[in-house]
Amino acid sequence: MVIYVQFRTLARIVGRICHSEGWDFLYLTGDRSLEDRSKVIAKFRDDKNIKIMIAGLKCGGLGYVTLPSFPLKFKLATSVEH
């Protein structure tokens, strides 16, 4: 499952939930190098124990994250109203 988040704070919150539930997960954020992002995607694809990737909407440089073996993707959207 890929969970897309707009803000790093939300990524950390989702990560804490995953951790507290004992779910293996990875972060994919735009502040990582392109090489590191590629490694994260490869690990997510290859490690069968990792079922969740928390990805920032602005992971720029890679375009869309396409994972053919993971046809279902979810988006966790938030909105801030003033």
Protein backbone atom coordinates (compact mmCIF):
# COMPACT_ATOMS: atom_id res chain seq x y z
CA MET A 1 0.00 0.00 0.00
CA VAL A 2 1.27 3.45 -0.83
CA ILE A 3 0.00 6.25 1.37
CA TYR A 4 0.53 9.67 -0.19
CA VAL A 5 0.79 12.61 2.19
CA GLN A 6 1.15 16.30 1.53
CA PHE A 7 3.03 17.29 4.68
CA ARG A 8 6.01 15.71 6.47
CA THR A 9 4.22 16.12 9.79
CA LEU A 10 1.41 13.90 8.54
CA ALA A 11 4.00 11.39 7.26
CA ARG A 12 5.49 11.21 10.76
CA ILE A 13 2.05 10.73 12.32
CA VAL A 14 1.21 7.90 9.92
CA GLY A 15 4.67 6.43 10.53
CA ARG A 16 4.08 6.46 14.28
CA ILE A 17 0.76 4.67 13.79
CA CYS A 18 2.44 2.03 11.61
CA HIS A 19 5.21 1.61 14.18
CA SER A 20 2.78 1.28 17.09
CA GLU A 21 0.84 -1.38 15.16
CA GLY A 22 4.05 -3.28 14.38
CA TRP A 23 3.75 -2.77 10.62
CA ASP A 24 6.96 -2.54 8.60
CA PHE A 25 7.00 0.60 6.46
CA LEU A 26 9.25 2.98 4.55
CA TYR A 27 9.29 6.72 3.96
CA LEU A 28 9.74 8.17 0.47
CA THR A 29 10.22 11.91 0.74
CA GLY A 30 11.57 14.63 -1.49
CA ASP A 31 14.38 15.54 0.91
CA ARG A 32 16.21 12.28 0.12
CA SER A 33 18.75 12.00 -2.68
CA LEU A 34 17.64 10.44 -5.97
CA GLU A 35 19.86 7.45 -5.21
CA ASP A 36 18.28 6.99 -1.79
CA ARG A 37 14.75 7.30 -3.22
CA SER A 38 15.57 4.64 -5.80
CA LYS A 39 16.82 2.36 -3.01
CA VAL A 40 13.61 2.92 -1.02
CA ILE A 41 11.47 2.01 -4.03
CA ALA A 42 13.57 -1.11 -4.72
CA LYS A 43 13.34 -2.20 -1.09
CA PHE A 44 9.57 -1.66 -1.07
CA ARG A 45 9.26 -3.71 -4.25
CA ASP A 46 11.57 -6.52 -3.15
CA ASP A 47 11.07 -6.90 0.62
CA LYS A 48 7.85 -8.87 1.11
CA ASN A 49 7.73 -7.89 4.81
CA ILE A 50 7.28 -4.21 3.98
CA LYS A 51 3.67 -3.62 3.01
CA ILE A 52 3.45 0.17 3.44
CA MET A 53 5.29 3.07 1.87
CA ILE A 54 4.51 6.59 3.09
CA ALA A 55 5.26 8.86 0.14
CA GLY A 56 5.29 12.62 -0.07
CA LEU A 57 3.34 14.17 -2.91
CA LYS A 58 6.42 16.22 -3.81
CA CYS A 59 8.95 13.43 -4.26
CA GLY A 60 10.07 15.19 -7.43
CA GLY A 61 12.71 13.83 -9.74
CA LEU A 62 11.14 10.42 -10.16
CA GLY A 63 7.84 11.35 -11.72
CA TYR A 64 5.01 9.08 -10.74
CA VAL A 65 5.91 6.13 -8.57
CA THR A 66 4.83 3.15 -10.62
CA LEU A 67 4.78 -0.21 -8.97
CA PRO A 68 3.10 -2.72 -11.31
CA SER A 69 2.96 -5.40 -8.62
CA PHE A 70 0.95 -3.06 -6.39
CA PRO A 71 -2.18 -2.19 -8.39
CA LEU A 72 -4.04 -0.59 -5.49
CA LYS A 73 -2.87 2.77 -4.23
CA PHE A 74 -4.45 4.92 -1.58
CA LYS A 75 -4.21 8.63 -1.01
CA LEU A 76 -4.54 10.09 2.45
CA ALA A 77 -5.63 13.63 1.81
CA THR A 78 -5.90 16.42 4.30
CA SER A 79 -7.31 19.85 4.02
CA VAL A 80 -6.83 22.81 6.27
CA GLU A 81 -9.72 25.20 6.61
CA HIS A 82 -9.38 28.63 8.14
